[in-house]
Amino acid sequence: MERVITITAAENDHMLAINIARGFRAAGWDGEWQRSVGAGG
């Protein structure tokens, strides 16, 4: 079985709709966190 993997941000509704229309399905989630450091951070 061949696989194609695409990575799309969860908030990118337009690209997610294209992926769904092409037959892709969600297989997992990944997240990144960021915090500023310095004055007031």
C-alpha atoms as a PDB file:
ATOM      1  CA  MET A   1       0.000   0.000   0.000  1.00  0.00           C
ATOM      2  CA  GLU A   2       1.353   3.434  -0.933  1.00  0.00           C
ATOM      3  CA  ARG A   3       0.820   6.482   1.269  1.00  0.00           C
ATOM      4  CA  VAL A   4       0.947  10.190   0.744  1.00  0.00           C
ATOM      5  CA  ILE A   5       1.230  12.392   3.818  1.00  0.00           C
ATOM      6  CA  THR A   6       0.373  16.070   3.933  1.00  0.00           C
ATOM      7  CA  ILE A   7       0.740  18.439   6.849  1.00  0.00           C
ATOM      8  CA  THR A   8      -1.771  21.259   7.190  1.00  0.00           C
ATOM      9  CA  ALA A   9      -2.373  23.655  10.074  1.00  0.00           C
ATOM     10  CA  ALA A  10      -5.634  22.953  11.912  1.00  0.00           C
ATOM     11  CA  GLU A  11      -6.760  26.562  11.402  1.00  0.00           C
ATOM     12  CA  ASN A  12      -6.222  26.421   7.609  1.00  0.00           C
ATOM     13  CA  ASP A  13      -9.827  25.614   6.679  1.00  0.00           C
ATOM     14  CA  HIS A  14      -9.314  26.130   2.947  1.00  0.00           C
ATOM     15  CA  MET A  15      -6.419  23.672   2.637  1.00  0.00           C
ATOM     16  CA  LEU A  16      -8.114  21.159   4.926  1.00  0.00           C
ATOM     17  CA  ALA A  17     -11.184  21.252   2.662  1.00  0.00           C
ATOM     18  CA  ILE A  18      -8.978  20.594  -0.377  1.00  0.00           C
ATOM     19  CA  ASN A  19      -7.275  17.670   1.381  1.00  0.00           C
ATOM     20  CA  ILE A  20     -10.640  16.171   2.381  1.00  0.00           C
ATOM     21  CA  ALA A  21     -11.952  16.585  -1.178  1.00  0.00           C
ATOM     22  CA  ARG A  22      -8.868  14.710  -2.421  1.00  0.00           C
ATOM     23  CA  GLY A  23      -9.581  11.803  -0.060  1.00  0.00           C
ATOM     24  CA  PHE A  24      -7.155  12.543   2.760  1.00  0.00           C
ATOM     25  CA  ARG A  25      -8.207  11.884   6.341  1.00  0.00           C
ATOM     26  CA  ALA A  26      -6.810  13.077   9.641  1.00  0.00           C
ATOM     27  CA  ALA A  27      -4.270  10.616  11.011  1.00  0.00           C
ATOM     28  CA  GLY A  28      -2.843  12.578  13.918  1.00  0.00           C
ATOM     29  CA  TRP A  29      -2.222  15.962  15.456  1.00  0.00           C
ATOM     30  CA  ASP A  30       0.930  17.847  16.337  1.00  0.00           C
ATOM     31  CA  GLY A  31       1.333  21.085  18.236  1.00  0.00           C
ATOM     32  CA  GLU A  32       3.940  23.699  18.918  1.00  0.00           C
ATOM     33  CA  TRP A  33       4.033  26.205  21.720  1.00  0.00           C
ATOM     34  CA  GLN A  34       5.817  29.527  21.841  1.00  0.00           C
ATOM     35  CA  ARG A  35       6.432  32.021  24.604  1.00  0.00           C
ATOM     36  CA  SER A  36       8.195  35.359  24.398  1.00  0.00           C
ATOM     37  CA  VAL A  37      10.774  36.101  27.057  1.00  0.00           C
ATOM     38  CA  GLY A  38      11.978  39.484  28.089  1.00  0.00           C
ATOM     39  CA  ALA A  39      10.270  42.665  29.244  1.00  0.00           C
ATOM     40  CA  GLY A  40       6.764  41.803  30.347  1.00  0.00           C
ATOM     41  CA  GLY A  41       7.127  38.220  29.148  1.00  0.00           C
END
